Amino acid sequence: MPKNRKKNRKKRFFISIQTKLLFVFLVATFIIFGVNIYIYFNINKMIINIDKVYESNAMLNELQNGLTLIHRNLESYLDTKDTEAMEGYFRNEQEYRKQMENLNVDILNDSVMIAEKNIYNMSQYYLSITESAIEAKRGRNVAKYKEYYDDANELYGYINSYIYNLNNKRFRNNSNNYETLFSSLKYSETSNLLILFIVSVLNGTLIIFLTRGITNPLKDLAKAAGEVAKGTLDIELVESVPHDEVGIVTSAFGQMVKSLKDYIEQIKKSIELESAMKERQLMMETHLRDAQLKYLQAQINPHFMFNTLNAGAQLAMMEGADKTYRYVQNVADFFRYNVKKNNDVVTLEEEIELVDNYIYIINVRFSGDINFKKKIDRDLVNVQMPSMILQPIVENCINHGVRDIKWENLIELSVYEESGSICVSIRDNGVGMSADKIKRIMHSKLGEADLKDTVNGVGLDNVIGRLRLFYEREDVIEITSAGEDMGTEVAIYIPLEV
């Protein structure tokens, strides 16, 4: 129980290197980001204040320009009674009233604000006089509109003078404020740069401090690995609590070195035993060769066998037994091909002829139960290929595909061109093949019983291996089956340039 608690405690406090590095990155990023945000808002605030310094001067200039436009349009209308001048007057009069809304009308304890209020009041009075002058002009009252114009002209001069004096006064004050703000901005830039430098130094120190716990154990581990690479196994690693991956790797490395020491000792102890076993194995292999030689000597001479079959075929022909003659002749041709072509390169046409002989022999044996169809492009049958390829595949179709099915069997041999290759397809409508068995066949992982379960000793594993060696390609053969009782297709892809 205490051991389990200790393990659980270690797991509970485990912090991965990724988490540590992420923490360091986030801390550094947040510090730098926070300082930059502070600097940005501080400088931006000062820039906004600087931009606002001369806003009052701009407002007074616009007010003065608006007043001038009103007065000019008034003069033009009174002289000519021009409709365009009157429209210009009313348009500028509305714009001027909007500009007047920016003037102070309440504060009375500041000389500048009082001047703005005076300009506002005089402007109101000026506009009322100009309106009266226009009305008098419309009513053709010459004496009145001249009187109003003289009053408006005099008041226009006062207002212009007030605006000009106020503008100068504001400009002087604003210039002083601008100088102060600009100096503050310069000081702020210097201060911000100093703050950024100090924070960067502190940030770098923090990163070094936090990553030291990761890098130092790695340095110790690398040093120990270097010693092991030189052949020194007597090393001592500082035992540390595996709070992260480095600690786990360090513990595993120490255990590996210890296991390596034990393994070397075991190898030393097993060398003598292995030497003795090799001598015994050599003796067993010698006995095995003797047994294989005796087995080969006991085999029937294949030349004698197909010569005997030829003699039987000639005897059947002389006696008029045509079917027997044809059968024996096919058997003789079949064995002659096996003897003469077993290690040769043949043509696809010769392989197809061997399949025809084999099907004939099998149908005599099984009373014509094997239905065999061919669909061959004769322009493609002269290509070269290893011998004894098609017959073992057909034999496999019969023995493992269609022999015991309860429906009419069928084996189809097709030769056609597909995507730059000659495709030789052998398809049956038998019991099918599982995906697992197809995988084992294609990866040469068949069991001993599967490899021996062929009549002539040449199984699919042998066929696949020879095809891949001959064409130097892995994709030269493909086995497919749709499922149980859905048949199997073996397709060989022969390159056209071969």
Protein backbone atom coordinates (compact mmCIF):
# COMPACT_ATOMS: atom_id res chain seq x y z
CA MET A 1 0.00 0.00 0.00
CA PRO A 2 2.72 2.60 0.74
CA LYS A 3 4.42 1.85 -2.57
CA ASN A 4 1.17 2.39 -4.47
CA ARG A 5 0.62 5.68 -2.68
CA LYS A 6 4.13 6.79 -3.58
CA LYS A 7 3.57 5.98 -7.26
CA ASN A 8 0.26 7.81 -7.31
CA ARG A 9 1.89 10.83 -5.68
CA LYS A 10 4.57 10.91 -8.37
CA LYS A 11 2.00 10.66 -11.12
CA ARG A 12 -0.04 13.42 -9.54
CA PHE A 13 2.90 15.84 -9.59
CA PHE A 14 4.13 14.89 -13.06
CA ILE A 15 4.57 17.97 -15.27
CA SER A 16 5.56 17.36 -18.90
CA ILE A 17 8.32 19.31 -20.66
CA GLN A 18 5.74 20.56 -23.14
CA THR A 19 3.69 22.02 -20.28
CA LYS A 20 6.77 23.67 -18.76
CA LEU A 21 7.87 25.19 -22.06
CA LEU A 22 4.33 26.35 -22.75
CA PHE A 23 4.22 27.98 -19.31
CA VAL A 24 7.55 29.76 -19.93
CA PHE A 25 6.37 30.94 -23.34
CA LEU A 26 3.04 32.21 -22.02
CA VAL A 27 4.63 34.04 -19.08
CA ALA A 28 7.21 35.73 -21.33
CA THR A 29 4.58 36.57 -23.92
CA PHE A 30 2.14 38.05 -21.41
CA ILE A 31 4.83 40.20 -19.80
CA ILE A 32 6.06 41.59 -23.12
CA PHE A 33 2.49 41.99 -24.38
CA GLY A 34 1.41 43.83 -21.22
CA VAL A 35 4.36 46.21 -21.37
CA ASN A 36 3.75 46.93 -25.05
CA ILE A 37 0.04 47.56 -24.43
CA TYR A 38 0.92 50.00 -21.65
CA ILE A 39 3.46 51.81 -23.86
CA TYR A 40 1.04 51.89 -26.80
CA PHE A 41 -1.83 53.40 -24.84
CA ASN A 42 0.44 55.87 -23.06
CA ILE A 43 1.98 57.18 -26.30
CA ASN A 44 -1.36 57.11 -28.11
CA LYS A 45 -2.95 59.18 -25.35
CA MET A 46 -0.19 61.81 -25.59
CA ILE A 47 -0.45 61.94 -29.38
CA ILE A 48 -4.20 62.50 -29.11
CA ASN A 49 -3.58 65.35 -26.65
CA ILE A 50 -1.03 66.89 -29.03
CA ASP A 51 -3.47 66.62 -31.92
CA LYS A 52 -6.10 68.45 -29.85
CA VAL A 53 -3.78 71.35 -28.98
CA TYR A 54 -4.63 73.48 -32.04
CA GLU A 55 -8.25 72.37 -32.42
CA SER A 56 -9.48 75.65 -30.89
CA ASN A 57 -7.40 77.68 -33.40
CA ALA A 58 -8.81 75.64 -36.28
CA MET A 59 -12.33 76.18 -34.95
CA LEU A 60 -11.80 80.00 -34.76
CA ASN A 61 -10.34 80.05 -38.29
CA GLU A 62 -13.36 78.22 -39.62
CA LEU A 63 -15.65 80.60 -37.72
CA GLN A 64 -13.89 83.62 -39.22
CA ASN A 65 -14.05 82.15 -42.74
CA GLY A 66 -17.76 81.46 -42.32
CA LEU A 67 -18.40 85.02 -41.15
CA THR A 68 -16.52 86.40 -44.16
CA LEU A 69 -18.58 84.27 -46.59
CA ILE A 70 -21.83 85.52 -45.03
CA HIS A 71 -20.78 89.14 -45.30
CA ARG A 72 -19.66 88.79 -48.93
CA ASN A 73 -22.91 87.12 -49.95
CA LEU A 74 -24.81 89.89 -48.12
CA GLU A 75 -22.95 92.60 -50.01
CA SER A 76 -23.44 90.82 -53.32
CA TYR A 77 -27.18 90.45 -52.75
CA LEU A 78 -27.69 94.07 -51.62
CA ASP A 79 -25.77 95.33 -54.70
CA THR A 80 -27.31 93.08 -57.35
CA LYS A 81 -30.25 91.30 -55.69
CA ASP A 82 -28.77 88.10 -57.17
CA THR A 83 -30.65 84.92 -56.26
CA GLU A 84 -27.43 82.88 -56.16
CA ALA A 85 -25.95 85.35 -53.66
CA MET A 86 -29.03 85.06 -51.46
CA GLU A 87 -28.83 81.22 -51.54
CA GLY A 88 -25.15 81.42 -50.66
CA TYR A 89 -26.00 83.74 -47.77
CA PHE A 90 -28.57 81.36 -46.25
CA ARG A 91 -26.35 78.32 -46.78
CA ASN A 92 -23.35 79.95 -45.07
CA GLU A 93 -25.59 81.43 -42.38
CA GLN A 94 -26.74 77.90 -41.39
CA GLU A 95 -23.17 76.60 -41.41
CA TYR A 96 -22.04 79.55 -39.29
CA ARG A 97 -24.75 78.88 -36.71
CA LYS A 98 -23.49 75.31 -36.39
CA GLN A 99 -19.96 76.58 -35.85
CA MET A 100 -21.22 78.97 -33.19
CA GLU A 101 -22.37 75.99 -31.13
CA ASN A 102 -18.70 75.28 -30.34
CA LEU A 103 -18.34 78.67 -28.60
CA ASN A 104 -18.66 79.07 -24.84
CA VAL A 105 -21.91 80.64 -23.62
CA ASP A 106 -21.80 79.75 -19.92
CA ILE A 107 -18.33 80.10 -18.31
CA LEU A 108 -17.62 83.62 -17.06
CA ASN A 109 -14.50 83.18 -14.86
CA ASP A 110 -11.97 83.00 -17.71
CA SER A 111 -11.03 85.82 -20.09
CA VAL A 112 -10.79 83.48 -23.08
CA MET A 113 -14.18 81.96 -22.36
CA ILE A 114 -15.67 85.46 -21.89
CA ALA A 115 -14.27 86.49 -25.28
CA GLU A 116 -15.91 83.44 -26.87
CA LYS A 117 -19.23 84.35 -25.26
CA ASN A 118 -18.92 87.92 -26.57
CA ILE A 119 -18.23 86.63 -30.10
CA TYR A 120 -21.27 84.38 -29.76
CA ASN A 121 -23.57 87.24 -28.68
CA MET A 122 -22.24 89.65 -31.33
CA SER A 123 -22.63 86.96 -33.99
CA GLN A 124 -26.26 86.43 -32.98
CA TYR A 125 -26.90 90.17 -33.23
CA TYR A 126 -24.98 90.40 -36.53
CA LEU A 127 -27.09 87.64 -38.08
CA SER A 128 -30.33 89.33 -36.99
CA ILE A 129 -29.19 92.62 -38.60
CA THR A 130 -28.22 90.90 -41.87
CA GLU A 131 -31.58 89.16 -42.00
CA SER A 132 -33.30 92.54 -41.52
CA ALA A 133 -31.17 94.07 -44.32
CA ILE A 134 -32.19 91.26 -46.71
CA GLU A 135 -35.86 91.68 -45.80
CA ALA A 136 -35.61 95.42 -46.41
CA LYS A 137 -33.92 94.79 -49.76
CA ARG A 138 -36.75 92.45 -50.73
CA GLY A 139 -39.25 95.14 -49.72
CA ARG A 140 -37.27 97.73 -51.78
CA ASN A 141 -36.82 99.92 -48.72
CA VAL A 142 -33.53 101.49 -49.75
CA ALA A 143 -33.05 103.65 -46.69
CA LYS A 144 -33.61 100.75 -44.26
CA TYR A 145 -31.38 98.12 -45.89
CA LYS A 146 -28.56 100.69 -46.21
CA GLU A 147 -28.95 101.51 -42.52
CA TYR A 148 -28.94 97.80 -41.62
CA TYR A 149 -25.95 97.17 -43.86
CA ASP A 150 -23.93 99.92 -42.22
CA ASP A 151 -24.68 98.48 -38.79
CA ALA A 152 -23.86 94.94 -39.98
CA ASN A 153 -20.62 96.12 -41.61
CA GLU A 154 -19.50 97.82 -38.43
CA LEU A 155 -20.39 94.79 -36.30
CA TYR A 156 -18.62 92.52 -38.79
CA GLY A 157 -15.42 94.46 -38.15
CA TYR A 158 -15.80 94.09 -34.38
CA ILE A 159 -16.43 90.36 -34.60
CA ASN A 160 -13.46 89.86 -36.93
CA SER A 161 -11.26 91.78 -34.55
CA TYR A 162 -12.48 89.73 -31.56
CA ILE A 163 -11.91 86.48 -33.38
CA TYR A 164 -8.45 87.56 -34.53
CA ASN A 165 -7.37 88.63 -31.03
CA LEU A 166 -8.82 85.51 -29.42
CA ASN A 167 -7.14 83.30 -32.04
CA ASN A 168 -3.74 84.90 -31.36
CA LYS A 169 -4.19 84.52 -27.63
CA ARG A 170 -5.19 80.86 -27.99
CA PHE A 171 -2.30 80.23 -30.38
CA ARG A 172 0.20 81.51 -27.83
CA ASN A 173 -1.32 79.36 -25.09
CA ASN A 174 -1.57 76.32 -27.36
CA SER A 175 2.04 76.73 -28.49
CA ASN A 176 3.16 76.59 -24.89
CA ASN A 177 0.98 73.52 -24.29
CA TYR A 178 2.34 71.90 -27.45
CA GLU A 179 5.92 72.40 -26.33
CA THR A 180 5.10 70.91 -22.94
CA LEU A 181 3.31 67.90 -24.44
CA PHE A 182 6.03 67.32 -27.01
CA SER A 183 8.68 67.34 -24.29
CA SER A 184 6.56 64.90 -22.28
CA LEU A 185 6.29 62.66 -25.34
CA LYS A 186 10.07 62.61 -25.77
CA TYR A 187 10.50 61.84 -22.08
CA SER A 188 7.82 59.12 -22.34
CA GLU A 189 9.59 57.51 -25.30
CA THR A 190 12.86 57.37 -23.38
CA SER A 191 11.10 56.02 -20.28
CA ASN A 192 9.23 53.40 -22.32
CA LEU A 193 12.43 52.21 -23.99
CA LEU A 194 14.09 51.90 -20.59
CA ILE A 195 11.09 49.99 -19.21
CA LEU A 196 11.10 47.67 -22.25
CA PHE A 197 14.82 47.01 -21.83
CA ILE A 198 14.46 46.24 -18.11
CA VAL A 199 11.48 43.95 -18.75
CA SER A 200 13.35 42.14 -21.55
CA VAL A 201 16.33 41.53 -19.23
CA LEU A 202 14.04 40.27 -16.46
CA ASN A 203 12.13 38.16 -18.98
CA GLY A 204 15.34 36.58 -20.29
CA THR A 205 16.48 35.88 -16.71
CA LEU A 206 13.13 34.23 -15.96
CA ILE A 207 13.35 32.06 -19.09
CA ILE A 208 16.90 30.95 -18.23
CA PHE A 209 15.85 30.15 -14.66
CA LEU A 210 12.79 28.15 -15.71
CA THR A 211 14.52 26.23 -18.53
CA ARG A 212 17.58 25.36 -16.45
CA GLY A 213 15.58 22.63 -14.76
CA ILE A 214 15.05 21.06 -18.20
CA THR A 215 18.47 21.57 -19.79
CA ASN A 216 20.73 20.56 -16.88
CA PRO A 217 19.36 16.98 -16.57
CA LEU A 218 19.61 16.68 -20.36
CA LYS A 219 23.28 17.70 -20.23
CA ASP A 220 23.95 15.07 -17.56
CA LEU A 221 22.13 12.45 -19.59
CA ALA A 222 24.04 13.37 -22.78
CA LYS A 223 27.35 13.11 -20.90
CA ALA A 224 26.41 9.66 -19.57
CA ALA A 225 25.29 8.54 -23.07
CA GLY A 226 28.67 9.66 -24.44
CA GLU A 227 30.46 7.51 -21.88
CA VAL A 228 28.30 4.50 -22.77
CA ALA A 229 29.02 5.08 -26.48
CA LYS A 230 32.74 4.84 -25.68
CA GLY A 231 32.14 1.47 -24.02
CA THR A 232 32.14 2.59 -20.39
CA LEU A 233 29.23 0.96 -18.60
CA ASP A 234 30.35 1.77 -15.05
CA ILE A 235 28.56 5.10 -14.82
CA GLU A 236 26.40 6.60 -12.10
CA LEU A 237 23.40 8.77 -12.88
CA VAL A 238 22.05 11.23 -10.34
CA GLU A 239 18.76 9.81 -9.19
CA SER A 240 16.04 12.39 -9.53
CA VAL A 241 12.31 12.26 -9.04
CA PRO A 242 10.82 11.84 -12.56
CA HIS A 243 8.63 14.93 -12.57
CA ASP A 244 8.88 15.12 -16.37
CA GLU A 245 9.98 13.17 -19.47
CA VAL A 246 13.67 13.89 -18.80
CA GLY A 247 13.44 12.23 -15.40
CA ILE A 248 11.68 9.23 -16.91
CA VAL A 249 14.26 8.93 -19.71
CA THR A 250 17.09 9.23 -17.17
CA SER A 251 15.64 6.41 -15.07
CA ALA A 252 15.05 4.29 -18.17
CA PHE A 253 18.62 4.95 -19.38
CA GLY A 254 20.04 3.84 -16.04
CA GLN A 255 17.91 0.69 -16.16
CA MET A 256 19.05 0.09 -19.75
CA VAL A 257 22.73 0.34 -18.79
CA LYS A 258 22.17 -2.08 -15.92
CA SER A 259 20.31 -4.47 -18.24
CA LEU A 260 23.11 -4.16 -20.79
CA LYS A 261 25.66 -5.17 -18.18
CA ASP A 262 23.56 -8.22 -17.27
CA TYR A 263 23.06 -9.07 -20.95
CA ILE A 264 26.81 -8.99 -21.65
CA GLU A 265 27.38 -11.33 -18.73
CA GLN A 266 24.72 -13.68 -20.07
CA ILE A 267 26.32 -13.61 -23.53
CA LYS A 268 29.70 -14.51 -22.07
CA LYS A 269 28.16 -17.43 -20.24
CA SER A 270 26.27 -18.63 -23.32
CA ILE A 271 29.23 -18.54 -25.76
CA GLU A 272 30.62 -21.88 -24.58
CA LEU A 273 27.16 -23.46 -24.67
CA GLU A 274 26.55 -22.08 -28.17
CA SER A 275 29.85 -23.53 -29.44
CA ALA A 276 28.85 -26.95 -28.22
CA MET A 277 25.40 -26.62 -29.78
CA LYS A 278 26.95 -25.63 -33.15
CA GLU A 279 28.97 -28.85 -33.23
CA ARG A 280 25.83 -30.81 -32.48
CA GLN A 281 23.87 -28.89 -35.15
CA LEU A 282 26.53 -29.62 -37.78
CA MET A 283 26.24 -33.31 -37.00
CA MET A 284 22.44 -33.15 -37.34
CA GLU A 285 22.69 -31.29 -40.68
CA THR A 286 25.07 -33.97 -41.97
CA HIS A 287 22.59 -36.68 -41.07
CA LEU A 288 19.78 -34.65 -42.68
CA ARG A 289 21.72 -34.33 -45.95
CA ASP A 290 22.30 -38.08 -45.97
CA ALA A 291 18.57 -38.66 -45.49
CA GLN A 292 17.66 -36.21 -48.29
CA LEU A 293 20.15 -37.89 -50.64
CA LYS A 294 18.64 -41.28 -49.96
CA TYR A 295 15.17 -39.79 -50.60
CA LEU A 296 16.26 -38.32 -53.94
CA GLN A 297 17.82 -41.62 -54.95
CA ALA A 298 14.49 -43.30 -54.25
CA GLN A 299 12.59 -41.04 -56.70
CA ILE A 300 11.50 -42.25 -60.13
CA ASN A 301 13.67 -41.05 -62.98
CA PRO A 302 11.48 -38.42 -64.73
CA HIS A 303 13.02 -39.13 -68.16
CA PHE A 304 12.22 -42.81 -67.77
CA MET A 305 8.66 -41.89 -66.74
CA PHE A 306 7.72 -39.70 -69.75
CA ASN A 307 9.57 -42.10 -72.15
CA THR A 308 7.42 -44.90 -70.77
CA LEU A 309 4.31 -42.74 -71.25
CA ASN A 310 5.33 -42.09 -74.88
CA ALA A 311 5.63 -45.83 -75.45
CA GLY A 312 2.17 -46.32 -73.95
CA ALA A 313 0.78 -43.60 -76.22
CA GLN A 314 2.27 -45.27 -79.33
CA LEU A 315 0.82 -48.61 -78.25
CA ALA A 316 -2.63 -47.04 -77.77
CA MET A 317 -2.40 -45.42 -81.22
CA MET A 318 -1.50 -48.76 -82.88
CA GLU A 319 -4.42 -50.44 -81.12
CA GLY A 320 -6.81 -47.65 -82.27
CA ALA A 321 -7.56 -46.36 -78.75
CA ASP A 322 -7.68 -42.70 -79.73
CA LYS A 323 -8.94 -41.33 -76.40
CA THR A 324 -6.35 -43.31 -74.48
CA TYR A 325 -3.65 -42.17 -76.92
CA ARG A 326 -4.66 -38.51 -76.49
CA TYR A 327 -4.77 -38.83 -72.70
CA VAL A 328 -1.38 -40.55 -72.42
CA GLN A 329 0.14 -38.07 -74.91
CA ASN A 330 -1.12 -35.10 -72.83
CA VAL A 331 0.29 -36.63 -69.67
CA ALA A 332 3.66 -37.23 -71.39
CA ASP A 333 3.74 -33.65 -72.69
CA PHE A 334 2.86 -32.36 -69.23
CA PHE A 335 5.74 -34.17 -67.52
CA ARG A 336 8.15 -33.35 -70.34
CA TYR A 337 7.38 -29.64 -69.83
CA ASN A 338 7.99 -30.01 -66.09
CA VAL A 339 11.36 -31.67 -66.63
CA LYS A 340 12.67 -29.48 -69.46
CA LYS A 341 11.21 -26.08 -68.47
CA ASN A 342 11.29 -26.20 -64.70
CA ASN A 343 14.07 -23.57 -64.45
CA ASP A 344 13.75 -21.95 -67.89
CA VAL A 345 12.22 -18.75 -69.20
CA VAL A 346 9.21 -19.56 -71.41
CA THR A 347 6.57 -17.66 -73.34
CA LEU A 348 3.06 -16.97 -72.12
CA GLU A 349 1.78 -19.15 -74.99
CA GLU A 350 3.76 -22.17 -73.70
CA GLU A 351 2.34 -21.64 -70.22
CA ILE A 352 -1.20 -21.54 -71.65
CA GLU A 353 -0.55 -24.80 -73.59
CA LEU A 354 0.56 -26.45 -70.34
CA VAL A 355 -2.67 -25.30 -68.68
CA ASP A 356 -4.64 -26.82 -71.60
CA ASN A 357 -2.81 -30.17 -71.09
CA TYR A 358 -3.43 -30.03 -67.36
CA ILE A 359 -7.16 -29.25 -67.74
CA TYR A 360 -7.49 -32.12 -70.23
CA ILE A 361 -5.82 -34.54 -67.80
CA ILE A 362 -7.95 -33.33 -64.87
CA ASN A 363 -11.19 -33.60 -66.88
CA VAL A 364 -10.35 -37.18 -67.85
CA ARG A 365 -9.72 -37.88 -64.21
CA PHE A 366 -12.93 -36.16 -63.02
CA SER A 367 -15.15 -37.11 -66.01
CA GLY A 368 -15.19 -33.62 -67.51
CA ASP A 369 -16.46 -31.83 -64.38
CA ILE A 370 -14.09 -28.84 -64.74
CA ASN A 371 -15.53 -26.09 -66.95
CA PHE A 372 -12.66 -24.10 -68.44
CA LYS A 373 -12.99 -20.98 -70.60
CA LYS A 374 -10.33 -18.85 -72.28
CA LYS A 375 -10.43 -15.29 -73.56
CA ILE A 376 -6.97 -14.51 -74.94
CA ASP A 377 -5.54 -11.65 -76.97
CA ARG A 378 -3.18 -13.62 -79.27
CA ASP A 379 -1.06 -10.52 -79.91
CA LEU A 380 0.15 -10.66 -76.31
CA VAL A 381 1.12 -14.33 -75.85
CA ASN A 382 4.75 -14.06 -77.01
CA VAL A 383 5.90 -12.22 -73.90
CA GLN A 384 8.48 -14.06 -71.75
CA MET A 385 7.87 -15.20 -68.19
CA PRO A 386 9.15 -17.80 -65.68
CA SER A 387 8.02 -21.39 -66.26
CA MET A 388 5.48 -23.25 -64.11
CA ILE A 389 3.45 -20.14 -63.14
CA LEU A 390 -0.07 -20.56 -64.54
CA GLN A 391 -0.53 -24.31 -63.98
CA PRO A 392 0.03 -24.14 -60.18
CA ILE A 393 -2.49 -21.28 -59.96
CA VAL A 394 -5.09 -23.27 -61.96
CA GLU A 395 -4.34 -26.31 -59.81
CA ASN A 396 -4.95 -24.22 -56.70
CA CYS A 397 -8.29 -23.04 -58.17
CA ILE A 398 -9.39 -26.65 -58.65
CA ASN A 399 -8.14 -28.09 -55.35
CA HIS A 400 -9.17 -25.20 -53.08
CA GLY A 401 -11.78 -23.33 -55.08
CA VAL A 402 -14.25 -25.33 -57.15
CA ARG A 403 -13.73 -29.04 -56.33
CA ASP A 404 -16.31 -29.36 -53.55
CA ILE A 405 -18.86 -26.67 -54.50
CA LYS A 406 -22.50 -27.62 -55.04
CA TRP A 407 -23.03 -25.35 -58.05
CA GLU A 408 -21.62 -25.55 -61.55
CA ASN A 409 -17.92 -24.76 -61.45
CA LEU A 410 -16.07 -22.47 -63.82
CA ILE A 411 -12.45 -21.43 -64.32
CA GLU A 412 -11.71 -18.54 -66.69
CA LEU A 413 -8.31 -17.65 -68.15
CA SER A 414 -8.09 -14.16 -69.68
CA VAL A 415 -5.19 -12.32 -71.31
CA TYR A 416 -5.60 -8.62 -72.11
CA GLU A 417 -3.77 -5.30 -71.96
CA GLU A 418 -4.38 -2.94 -69.04
CA SER A 419 -2.58 0.32 -68.16
CA GLY A 420 0.67 -0.51 -69.95
CA SER A 421 0.82 -4.11 -68.71
CA ILE A 422 -0.30 -7.52 -69.93
CA CYS A 423 -2.85 -8.82 -67.45
CA VAL A 424 -3.17 -12.60 -67.10
CA SER A 425 -6.30 -13.26 -65.04
CA ILE A 426 -7.28 -16.67 -63.62
CA ARG A 427 -10.70 -16.52 -62.00
CA ASP A 428 -12.86 -19.23 -60.40
CA ASN A 429 -16.39 -19.18 -59.00
CA GLY A 430 -15.54 -21.30 -55.98
CA VAL A 431 -15.56 -20.90 -52.22
CA GLY A 432 -13.51 -17.69 -52.24
CA MET A 433 -10.64 -16.74 -49.97
CA SER A 434 -10.57 -14.76 -46.73
CA ALA A 435 -8.81 -11.41 -46.59
CA ASP A 436 -6.53 -12.76 -43.85
CA LYS A 437 -5.36 -15.68 -45.99
CA ILE A 438 -4.81 -13.39 -49.00
CA LYS A 439 -2.68 -11.16 -46.79
CA ARG A 440 -0.65 -14.15 -45.52
CA ILE A 441 -0.09 -15.42 -49.07
CA MET A 442 1.01 -12.00 -50.37
CA HIS A 443 3.41 -11.53 -47.43
CA SER A 444 4.82 -15.12 -47.55
CA LYS A 445 3.43 -15.99 -44.13
CA LEU A 446 1.66 -19.27 -44.97
CA GLY A 447 1.94 -22.13 -42.53
CA GLU A 448 3.86 -25.32 -43.26
CA ALA A 449 0.63 -27.20 -44.03
CA ASP A 450 -0.37 -24.56 -46.62
CA LEU A 451 3.01 -24.70 -48.36
CA LYS A 452 2.90 -28.49 -48.65
CA ASP A 453 -0.72 -28.66 -49.77
CA THR A 454 0.04 -28.83 -53.53
CA VAL A 455 0.27 -31.71 -55.94
CA ASN A 456 3.50 -30.82 -57.69
CA GLY A 457 5.13 -29.02 -54.76
CA VAL A 458 4.88 -25.59 -56.42
CA GLY A 459 2.45 -23.47 -54.38
CA LEU A 460 1.25 -19.88 -54.61
CA ASP A 461 4.03 -18.76 -52.25
CA ASN A 462 6.63 -20.15 -54.68
CA VAL A 463 4.85 -18.61 -57.70
CA ILE A 464 4.69 -15.16 -56.08
CA GLY A 465 8.33 -15.26 -55.04
CA ARG A 466 9.58 -16.26 -58.52
CA LEU A 467 7.43 -13.63 -60.25
CA ARG A 468 8.74 -10.87 -57.98
CA LEU A 469 12.35 -11.96 -58.48
CA PHE A 470 11.93 -12.25 -62.27
CA TYR A 471 10.25 -8.88 -62.81
CA GLU A 472 11.89 -7.13 -59.82
CA ARG A 473 8.54 -5.69 -58.75
CA GLU A 474 6.33 -6.25 -55.72
CA ASP A 475 3.04 -5.42 -57.48
CA VAL A 476 3.39 -8.06 -60.22
CA ILE A 477 0.57 -10.21 -58.79
CA GLU A 478 -2.74 -9.47 -57.09
CA ILE A 479 -5.23 -11.80 -55.38
CA THR A 480 -8.82 -10.66 -54.85
CA SER A 481 -11.97 -12.29 -53.49
CA ALA A 482 -15.34 -10.69 -52.82
CA GLY A 483 -16.01 -13.03 -49.88
CA GLU A 484 -17.25 -16.48 -49.00
CA ASP A 485 -18.63 -18.46 -52.01
CA MET A 486 -17.84 -15.46 -54.28
CA GLY A 487 -14.83 -16.96 -56.05
CA THR A 488 -11.22 -15.84 -56.30
CA GLU A 489 -9.18 -14.03 -58.96
CA VAL A 490 -5.41 -14.16 -59.35
CA ALA A 491 -4.13 -11.43 -61.70
CA ILE A 492 -0.54 -11.31 -62.99
CA TYR A 493 0.69 -8.00 -64.42
CA ILE A 494 3.50 -8.49 -66.95
CA PRO A 495 5.22 -5.28 -68.15
CA LEU A 496 4.87 -4.81 -71.91
CA GLU A 497 8.57 -4.04 -72.34
CA VAL A 498 9.61 -7.44 -70.98
